[in-house]
């Protein structure tokens, strides 16, 4: 029975260690992403809007 407890404890330790290592690696990879802000101008096509407005009654 002691051996069973040791095996379960070993697998639990490996499992928890794997989760922690994965979480840390994902967190560091997400922090490395540089956010570059680019300004994009959006212009509405007024001719298209006028055509749509005339079609709806």
N, C-alpha and C. Protein backbone atom coordinates (compact mmCIF):
# COMPACT_ATOMS: atom_id res chain seq x y z
N UNK A 1 0.84 -1.20 0.00
CA UNK A 1 0.00 0.00 0.00
C UNK A 1 0.87 1.25 0.00
N UNK A 2 2.03 1.18 0.66
CA UNK A 2 2.92 2.34 0.67
C UNK A 2 3.45 2.62 -0.72
N UNK A 3 3.71 1.53 -1.47
CA UNK A 3 4.21 1.72 -2.83
C UNK A 3 3.16 2.41 -3.71
N UNK A 4 1.90 2.05 -3.51
CA UNK A 4 0.82 2.68 -4.28
C UNK A 4 0.74 4.17 -3.98
N UNK A 5 0.87 4.55 -2.73
CA UNK A 5 0.86 5.96 -2.34
C UNK A 5 2.05 6.70 -2.96
N UNK A 6 3.20 6.04 -2.99
CA UNK A 6 4.38 6.67 -3.58
C UNK A 6 4.19 6.88 -5.08
N UNK A 7 3.61 5.89 -5.76
CA UNK A 7 3.38 6.00 -7.20
C UNK A 7 2.38 7.11 -7.49
N UNK A 8 1.30 7.16 -6.73
CA UNK A 8 0.29 8.22 -6.92
C UNK A 8 0.89 9.58 -6.64
N UNK A 9 1.70 9.70 -5.61
CA UNK A 9 2.34 10.98 -5.29
C UNK A 9 3.31 11.39 -6.40
N UNK A 10 4.04 10.43 -6.97
CA UNK A 10 4.97 10.73 -8.06
C UNK A 10 4.24 11.24 -9.29
N UNK A 11 3.17 10.54 -9.68
CA UNK A 11 2.39 11.00 -10.83
C UNK A 11 1.73 12.35 -10.58
N UNK A 12 1.25 12.59 -9.38
CA UNK A 12 0.65 13.89 -9.06
C UNK A 12 1.70 14.99 -9.14
N UNK A 13 2.90 14.70 -8.64
CA UNK A 13 3.98 15.68 -8.70
C UNK A 13 4.37 15.99 -10.16
N UNK A 14 4.48 14.96 -10.98
CA UNK A 14 4.82 15.15 -12.39
C UNK A 14 3.71 15.94 -13.09
N UNK A 15 2.46 15.61 -12.80
CA UNK A 15 1.33 16.29 -13.43
C UNK A 15 1.28 17.77 -13.05
N UNK A 16 1.42 18.07 -11.78
CA UNK A 16 1.38 19.46 -11.31
C UNK A 16 2.57 20.24 -11.84
N UNK A 17 3.74 19.61 -11.88
CA UNK A 17 4.93 20.27 -12.42
C UNK A 17 4.74 20.59 -13.90
N UNK A 18 4.16 19.67 -14.64
CA UNK A 18 3.89 19.89 -16.06
C UNK A 18 2.93 21.04 -16.28
N UNK A 19 1.90 21.13 -15.47
CA UNK A 19 0.93 22.23 -15.59
C UNK A 19 1.61 23.56 -15.29
N UNK A 20 2.43 23.61 -14.27
CA UNK A 20 3.11 24.86 -13.90
C UNK A 20 4.09 25.29 -14.99
N UNK A 21 4.87 24.34 -15.52
CA UNK A 21 5.83 24.67 -16.58
C UNK A 21 5.11 25.15 -17.82
N UNK A 22 4.01 24.50 -18.18
CA UNK A 22 3.23 24.92 -19.35
C UNK A 22 2.65 26.31 -19.15
N UNK A 23 2.11 26.59 -17.99
CA UNK A 23 1.53 27.91 -17.73
C UNK A 23 2.59 28.99 -17.79
N UNK A 24 3.76 28.73 -17.24
CA UNK A 24 4.83 29.73 -17.26
C UNK A 24 5.32 29.96 -18.69
N UNK A 25 5.46 28.89 -19.48
CA UNK A 25 5.94 29.07 -20.85
C UNK A 25 4.93 29.81 -21.71
N UNK A 26 3.64 29.53 -21.51
CA UNK A 26 2.61 30.25 -22.26
C UNK A 26 2.59 31.71 -21.85
N UNK A 27 2.72 31.98 -20.56
CA UNK A 27 2.70 33.36 -20.07
C UNK A 27 3.88 34.15 -20.63
N UNK A 28 5.06 33.56 -20.67
CA UNK A 28 6.23 34.29 -21.20
C UNK A 28 6.11 34.50 -22.69
N UNK A 29 5.54 33.53 -23.41
CA UNK A 29 5.39 33.71 -24.86
C UNK A 29 4.35 34.77 -25.17
N UNK A 30 3.32 34.89 -24.34
CA UNK A 30 2.31 35.93 -24.56
C UNK A 30 2.87 37.31 -24.23
N UNK A 31 3.76 37.40 -23.26
CA UNK A 31 4.34 38.68 -22.89
C UNK A 31 5.34 39.18 -23.92
N UNK A 32 5.92 38.29 -24.72
CA UNK A 32 6.90 38.68 -25.72
C UNK A 32 6.28 39.33 -26.94
N UNK A 33 4.99 39.12 -27.15
CA UNK A 33 4.31 39.68 -28.33
C UNK A 33 4.26 41.19 -28.20
N UNK A 34 4.83 41.86 -29.20
CA UNK A 34 4.83 43.32 -29.20
C UNK A 34 3.56 43.82 -29.86
N UNK A 35 2.91 44.73 -29.20
CA UNK A 35 1.70 45.29 -29.76
C UNK A 35 2.06 46.58 -30.50
N UNK A 36 1.88 46.54 -31.79
CA UNK A 36 2.12 47.72 -32.60
C UNK A 36 0.76 48.29 -32.99
N UNK A 37 0.59 49.55 -32.69
CA UNK A 37 -0.68 50.18 -32.99
C UNK A 37 -0.58 50.87 -34.34
N UNK A 38 -1.45 50.49 -35.22
CA UNK A 38 -1.50 51.10 -36.53
C UNK A 38 -2.84 51.81 -36.69
N UNK A 39 -2.77 53.02 -37.18
CA UNK A 39 -4.00 53.78 -37.37
C UNK A 39 -4.57 53.44 -38.75
N UNK A 40 -5.82 53.08 -38.77
CA UNK A 40 -6.50 52.77 -40.02
C UNK A 40 -7.69 53.69 -40.14
N UNK A 41 -7.77 54.39 -41.24
CA UNK A 41 -8.89 55.30 -41.46
C UNK A 41 -9.99 54.55 -42.20
N UNK A 42 -11.18 54.68 -41.68
CA UNK A 42 -12.32 54.03 -42.30
C UNK A 42 -13.20 55.12 -42.92
N UNK A 43 -13.47 54.94 -44.19
CA UNK A 43 -14.31 55.90 -44.88
C UNK A 43 -15.54 55.18 -45.41
N UNK A 44 -16.68 55.81 -45.23
CA UNK A 44 -17.91 55.22 -45.72
C UNK A 44 -18.12 55.65 -47.17
N UNK A 45 -18.62 54.74 -47.95
CA UNK A 45 -18.92 55.04 -49.34
C UNK A 45 -20.30 55.69 -49.38
N UNK A 46 -20.32 57.01 -49.53
CA UNK A 46 -21.60 57.72 -49.46
C UNK A 46 -22.48 57.43 -50.65
N UNK A 47 -21.90 57.18 -51.82
CA UNK A 47 -22.72 56.87 -52.97
C UNK A 47 -23.48 55.56 -52.76
N UNK A 48 -22.80 54.57 -52.20
CA UNK A 48 -23.44 53.29 -51.93
C UNK A 48 -24.55 53.48 -50.90
N UNK A 49 -24.31 54.29 -49.87
CA UNK A 49 -25.33 54.51 -48.86
C UNK A 49 -26.54 55.23 -49.44
N UNK A 50 -26.29 56.17 -50.36
CA UNK A 50 -27.41 56.88 -50.98
C UNK A 50 -28.23 55.93 -51.85
N UNK A 51 -27.58 55.01 -52.55
CA UNK A 51 -28.30 54.05 -53.39
C UNK A 51 -29.14 53.13 -52.52
N UNK A 52 -28.60 52.69 -51.43
CA UNK A 52 -29.34 51.80 -50.55
C UNK A 52 -30.52 52.55 -49.94
N UNK A 53 -30.32 53.81 -49.59
CA UNK A 53 -31.39 54.58 -48.98
C UNK A 53 -32.52 54.80 -49.96
N UNK A 54 -32.23 54.98 -51.25
CA UNK A 54 -33.27 55.18 -52.24
C UNK A 54 -34.04 53.88 -52.49
N UNK A 55 -33.38 52.74 -52.39
CA UNK A 55 -34.05 51.48 -52.66
C UNK A 55 -35.05 51.11 -51.58
N UNK A 56 -34.75 51.46 -50.34
CA UNK A 56 -35.67 51.11 -49.26
C UNK A 56 -36.81 52.13 -49.22
N UNK A 57 -38.00 51.61 -49.12
CA UNK A 57 -39.16 52.50 -49.12
C UNK A 57 -39.82 52.48 -47.77
